């Protein structure tokens, strides 16, 4: 536990150092960094995609009420219902 507390304090000190020292000289504007330079990479395909569908107001209200009664976000419920329906149709 003590090692973690010490690491946290050193991290706070490191952050405070950046607050009190000018670090602009560390930036080379001639060579901008990319995500790869930082060891990061974006996924090839995003794990989720935004879609827009039009639903009849009455149906959407029913879905929202059903979700609310179960304390579940209505969009999560829609995803669950779609996945269950697709699974049933594949098996049949």
N, C-alpha and C. Protein backbone atom coordinates (compact mmCIF):
# COMPACT_ATOMS: atom_id res chain seq x y z
N UNK A 1 0.81 -1.18 0.00
CA UNK A 1 0.00 0.00 0.00
C UNK A 1 0.86 1.26 0.00
N UNK A 2 1.97 1.24 0.72
CA UNK A 2 2.83 2.41 0.80
C UNK A 2 3.46 2.74 -0.54
N UNK A 3 3.80 1.70 -1.31
CA UNK A 3 4.41 1.95 -2.62
C UNK A 3 3.44 2.71 -3.52
N UNK A 4 2.18 2.36 -3.43
CA UNK A 4 1.19 3.04 -4.26
C UNK A 4 1.04 4.50 -3.83
N UNK A 5 1.02 4.73 -2.54
CA UNK A 5 0.90 6.11 -2.04
C UNK A 5 2.10 6.94 -2.47
N UNK A 6 3.31 6.37 -2.42
CA UNK A 6 4.52 7.08 -2.85
C UNK A 6 4.49 7.39 -4.32
N UNK A 7 3.99 6.44 -5.11
CA UNK A 7 3.90 6.64 -6.55
C UNK A 7 2.92 7.77 -6.86
N UNK A 8 1.82 7.79 -6.13
CA UNK A 8 0.81 8.82 -6.33
C UNK A 8 1.38 10.20 -6.01
N UNK A 9 2.14 10.30 -4.91
CA UNK A 9 2.73 11.59 -4.54
C UNK A 9 3.75 12.05 -5.58
N UNK A 10 4.55 11.12 -6.09
CA UNK A 10 5.55 11.52 -7.09
C UNK A 10 4.86 11.96 -8.38
N UNK A 11 3.73 11.31 -8.71
CA UNK A 11 2.98 11.69 -9.91
C UNK A 11 2.39 13.10 -9.75
N UNK A 12 1.86 13.39 -8.55
CA UNK A 12 1.32 14.73 -8.30
C UNK A 12 2.42 15.78 -8.37
N UNK A 13 3.62 15.43 -7.85
CA UNK A 13 4.74 16.36 -7.89
C UNK A 13 5.14 16.60 -9.34
N UNK A 14 5.14 15.53 -10.15
CA UNK A 14 5.50 15.65 -11.56
C UNK A 14 4.51 16.57 -12.28
N UNK A 15 3.24 16.41 -12.00
CA UNK A 15 2.23 17.26 -12.62
C UNK A 15 2.40 18.70 -12.16
N UNK A 16 2.66 18.89 -10.88
CA UNK A 16 2.86 20.23 -10.34
C UNK A 16 4.09 20.88 -10.98
N UNK A 17 5.12 20.09 -11.29
CA UNK A 17 6.30 20.63 -11.95
C UNK A 17 5.94 21.24 -13.30
N UNK A 18 5.05 20.57 -14.05
CA UNK A 18 4.64 21.09 -15.34
C UNK A 18 3.84 22.39 -15.17
N UNK A 19 3.15 22.53 -14.05
CA UNK A 19 2.39 23.74 -13.79
C UNK A 19 3.31 24.92 -13.48
N UNK A 20 4.45 24.64 -12.87
CA UNK A 20 5.31 25.73 -12.43
C UNK A 20 6.50 25.99 -13.36
N UNK A 21 6.72 25.15 -14.35
CA UNK A 21 7.85 25.32 -15.27
C UNK A 21 7.33 25.49 -16.70
N UNK A 22 8.03 26.28 -17.48
CA UNK A 22 7.67 26.48 -18.88
C UNK A 22 8.15 25.27 -19.67
N UNK A 23 7.22 24.52 -20.23
CA UNK A 23 7.57 23.32 -21.00
C UNK A 23 7.46 23.56 -22.51
N UNK A 24 7.17 24.78 -22.92
CA UNK A 24 7.00 25.05 -24.34
C UNK A 24 8.28 24.82 -25.13
N UNK A 25 9.44 24.88 -24.47
CA UNK A 25 10.71 24.64 -25.18
C UNK A 25 10.89 23.17 -25.50
N UNK A 26 10.10 22.30 -24.88
CA UNK A 26 10.20 20.87 -25.14
C UNK A 26 9.45 20.46 -26.41
N UNK A 27 8.66 21.37 -26.97
CA UNK A 27 7.84 21.07 -28.13
C UNK A 27 8.58 21.48 -29.39
N UNK A 28 8.72 20.54 -30.32
CA UNK A 28 9.35 20.82 -31.60
C UNK A 28 8.24 20.99 -32.63
N UNK A 29 7.93 22.22 -32.98
CA UNK A 29 6.82 22.48 -33.90
C UNK A 29 7.13 22.01 -35.33
N UNK A 30 8.39 21.75 -35.63
CA UNK A 30 8.75 21.27 -36.96
C UNK A 30 8.42 19.79 -37.12
N UNK A 31 8.29 19.08 -36.01
CA UNK A 31 7.99 17.65 -36.06
C UNK A 31 6.81 17.34 -35.13
N UNK A 32 5.58 17.50 -35.65
CA UNK A 32 4.42 17.20 -34.83
C UNK A 32 4.35 15.70 -34.51
N UNK A 33 3.90 15.38 -33.34
CA UNK A 33 3.77 13.99 -32.92
C UNK A 33 2.47 13.39 -33.44
N UNK A 34 2.55 12.12 -33.79
CA UNK A 34 1.36 11.37 -34.15
C UNK A 34 1.01 10.40 -33.04
N UNK A 35 -0.11 9.73 -33.17
CA UNK A 35 -0.50 8.76 -32.14
C UNK A 35 0.52 7.62 -32.03
N UNK A 36 1.09 7.21 -33.15
CA UNK A 36 2.09 6.15 -33.14
C UNK A 36 3.32 6.52 -32.32
N UNK A 37 3.68 7.79 -32.34
CA UNK A 37 4.82 8.27 -31.54
C UNK A 37 4.57 8.12 -30.05
N UNK A 38 3.30 8.13 -29.67
CA UNK A 38 2.93 8.01 -28.27
C UNK A 38 2.59 6.58 -27.88
N UNK A 39 2.75 5.65 -28.82
CA UNK A 39 2.44 4.25 -28.54
C UNK A 39 0.95 3.97 -28.58
N UNK A 40 0.19 4.82 -29.28
CA UNK A 40 -1.25 4.64 -29.37
C UNK A 40 -1.64 4.35 -30.81
N UNK A 41 -2.76 3.64 -30.96
CA UNK A 41 -3.24 3.33 -32.30
C UNK A 41 -4.76 3.29 -32.26
N UNK A 42 -5.39 3.91 -33.23
CA UNK A 42 -6.84 3.87 -33.33
C UNK A 42 -7.26 2.52 -33.89
N UNK A 43 -8.39 1.98 -33.44
CA UNK A 43 -8.86 0.72 -34.01
C UNK A 43 -9.21 0.90 -35.48
N UNK A 44 -9.01 -0.16 -36.27
CA UNK A 44 -9.30 -0.10 -37.71
C UNK A 44 -10.79 0.17 -37.94
N UNK A 45 -11.63 -0.54 -37.18
CA UNK A 45 -13.07 -0.34 -37.26
C UNK A 45 -13.55 0.03 -35.87
N UNK A 46 -14.31 1.10 -35.73
CA UNK A 46 -14.78 1.46 -34.40
C UNK A 46 -15.66 0.36 -33.81
N UNK A 47 -15.61 0.15 -32.49
CA UNK A 47 -16.38 -0.93 -31.88
C UNK A 47 -17.89 -0.67 -31.94
N UNK A 48 -18.29 0.56 -32.05
CA UNK A 48 -19.71 0.88 -32.21
C UNK A 48 -19.85 1.93 -33.29
N UNK A 49 -21.03 1.98 -33.86
CA UNK A 49 -21.31 2.99 -34.88
C UNK A 49 -22.63 3.67 -34.55
N UNK A 50 -22.72 4.90 -34.89
CA UNK A 50 -23.94 5.67 -34.66
C UNK A 50 -24.89 5.42 -35.82
N UNK A 51 -26.14 5.10 -35.49
CA UNK A 51 -27.17 4.95 -36.50
C UNK A 51 -28.36 5.81 -36.10
N UNK A 52 -29.13 6.16 -37.07
CA UNK A 52 -30.33 6.95 -36.81
C UNK A 52 -31.51 6.23 -37.46
N UNK A 53 -32.52 5.94 -36.66
CA UNK A 53 -33.73 5.33 -37.21
C UNK A 53 -34.94 6.12 -36.72
N UNK A 54 -35.96 6.10 -37.52
CA UNK A 54 -37.21 6.76 -37.14
C UNK A 54 -38.14 5.68 -36.60
N UNK A 55 -38.65 5.92 -35.39
CA UNK A 55 -39.60 5.01 -34.77
C UNK A 55 -40.90 5.76 -34.54
N UNK A 56 -42.01 5.05 -34.65
CA UNK A 56 -43.26 5.71 -34.29
C UNK A 56 -43.19 6.17 -32.82
N UNK A 57 -43.70 7.35 -32.56
CA UNK A 57 -43.64 7.93 -31.21
C UNK A 57 -44.21 6.99 -30.17
N UNK A 58 -45.32 6.35 -30.49
CA UNK A 58 -45.97 5.44 -29.54
C UNK A 58 -45.05 4.27 -29.20
N UNK A 59 -44.39 3.71 -30.22
CA UNK A 59 -43.47 2.59 -29.98
C UNK A 59 -42.30 3.04 -29.11
N UNK A 60 -41.73 4.19 -29.42
CA UNK A 60 -40.60 4.69 -28.64
C UNK A 60 -41.02 4.94 -27.19
N UNK A 61 -42.19 5.49 -26.98
CA UNK A 61 -42.69 5.72 -25.62
C UNK A 61 -42.87 4.40 -24.88
N UNK A 62 -43.35 3.38 -25.57
CA UNK A 62 -43.50 2.05 -24.94
C UNK A 62 -42.14 1.48 -24.56
N UNK A 63 -41.17 1.63 -25.45
CA UNK A 63 -39.82 1.13 -25.16
C UNK A 63 -39.23 1.87 -23.97
N UNK A 64 -39.39 3.18 -23.94
CA UNK A 64 -38.86 3.97 -22.82
C UNK A 64 -39.52 3.58 -21.51
N UNK A 65 -40.83 3.35 -21.52
CA UNK A 65 -41.54 2.95 -20.30
C UNK A 65 -41.07 1.57 -19.84
N UNK A 66 -40.92 0.66 -20.80
CA UNK A 66 -40.46 -0.70 -20.48
C UNK A 66 -39.06 -0.65 -19.88
N UNK A 67 -38.19 0.15 -20.47
CA UNK A 67 -36.81 0.29 -19.97
C UNK A 67 -36.79 0.94 -18.60
N UNK A 68 -37.59 1.97 -18.43
CA UNK A 68 -37.63 2.68 -17.15
C UNK A 68 -38.09 1.76 -16.02
N UNK A 69 -39.06 0.92 -16.31
CA UNK A 69 -39.58 -0.01 -15.29
C UNK A 69 -38.51 -1.01 -14.86
N UNK A 70 -37.54 -1.24 -15.72
CA UNK A 70 -36.46 -2.18 -15.43
C UNK A 70 -35.16 -1.47 -15.07
N UNK A 71 -35.22 -0.14 -14.98
CA UNK A 71 -34.05 0.68 -14.63
C UNK A 71 -32.88 0.44 -15.58
N UNK A 72 -33.20 0.44 -16.88
CA UNK A 72 -32.22 0.22 -17.94
C UNK A 72 -32.33 1.38 -18.92
N UNK A 73 -31.23 1.90 -19.42
CA UNK A 73 -31.33 2.94 -20.45
C UNK A 73 -32.06 2.40 -21.69
N UNK A 74 -32.94 3.21 -22.25
CA UNK A 74 -33.76 2.70 -23.35
C UNK A 74 -32.94 2.32 -24.57
N UNK A 75 -31.83 3.01 -24.83
CA UNK A 75 -31.01 2.65 -25.99
C UNK A 75 -30.34 1.30 -25.78
N UNK A 76 -29.93 1.01 -24.54
CA UNK A 76 -29.35 -0.30 -24.23
C UNK A 76 -30.41 -1.38 -24.41
N UNK A 77 -31.63 -1.09 -24.01
CA UNK A 77 -32.73 -2.05 -24.18
C UNK A 77 -32.97 -2.33 -25.65
N UNK A 78 -32.96 -1.29 -26.48
CA UNK A 78 -33.16 -1.48 -27.92
C UNK A 78 -32.08 -2.41 -28.48
N UNK A 79 -30.81 -2.18 -28.08
CA UNK A 79 -29.72 -3.05 -28.56
C UNK A 79 -29.94 -4.49 -28.12
N UNK A 80 -30.36 -4.66 -26.87
CA UNK A 80 -30.61 -6.01 -26.35
C UNK A 80 -31.74 -6.69 -27.11
N UNK A 81 -32.83 -5.97 -27.33
CA UNK A 81 -33.96 -6.54 -28.06
C UNK A 81 -33.57 -6.92 -29.50
N UNK A 82 -32.80 -6.06 -30.14
CA UNK A 82 -32.35 -6.37 -31.50
C UNK A 82 -31.45 -7.61 -31.53
N UNK A 83 -30.53 -7.70 -30.58
CA UNK A 83 -29.61 -8.84 -30.52
C UNK A 83 -30.38 -10.14 -30.25
N UNK A 84 -31.33 -10.10 -29.31
CA UNK A 84 -32.12 -11.30 -29.00
C UNK A 84 -32.96 -11.74 -30.19
N UNK A 85 -33.56 -10.78 -30.87
CA UNK A 85 -34.38 -11.10 -32.04
C UNK A 85 -33.53 -11.73 -33.15
N UNK A 86 -32.38 -11.16 -33.38
CA UNK A 86 -31.49 -11.69 -34.41
C UNK A 86 -31.02 -13.09 -34.06
N UNK A 87 -30.70 -13.32 -32.80
CA UNK A 87 -30.24 -14.64 -32.35
C UNK A 87 -31.35 -15.67 -32.55
N UNK A 88 -32.59 -15.33 -32.20
CA UNK A 88 -33.72 -16.25 -32.38
C UNK A 88 -33.92 -16.58 -33.84
N UNK A 89 -33.78 -15.59 -34.70
CA UNK A 89 -34.01 -15.80 -36.13
C UNK A 89 -32.89 -16.64 -36.76
N UNK A 90 -31.69 -16.55 -36.26
CA UNK A 90 -30.58 -17.35 -36.79
C UNK A 90 -30.75 -18.82 -36.44
N UNK A 91 -31.23 -19.09 -35.23
CA UNK A 91 -31.38 -20.47 -34.76
C UNK A 91 -32.51 -21.16 -35.51
N UNK A 92 -33.57 -20.43 -35.81
CA UNK A 92 -34.76 -21.03 -36.45
C UNK A 92 -34.49 -21.44 -37.87
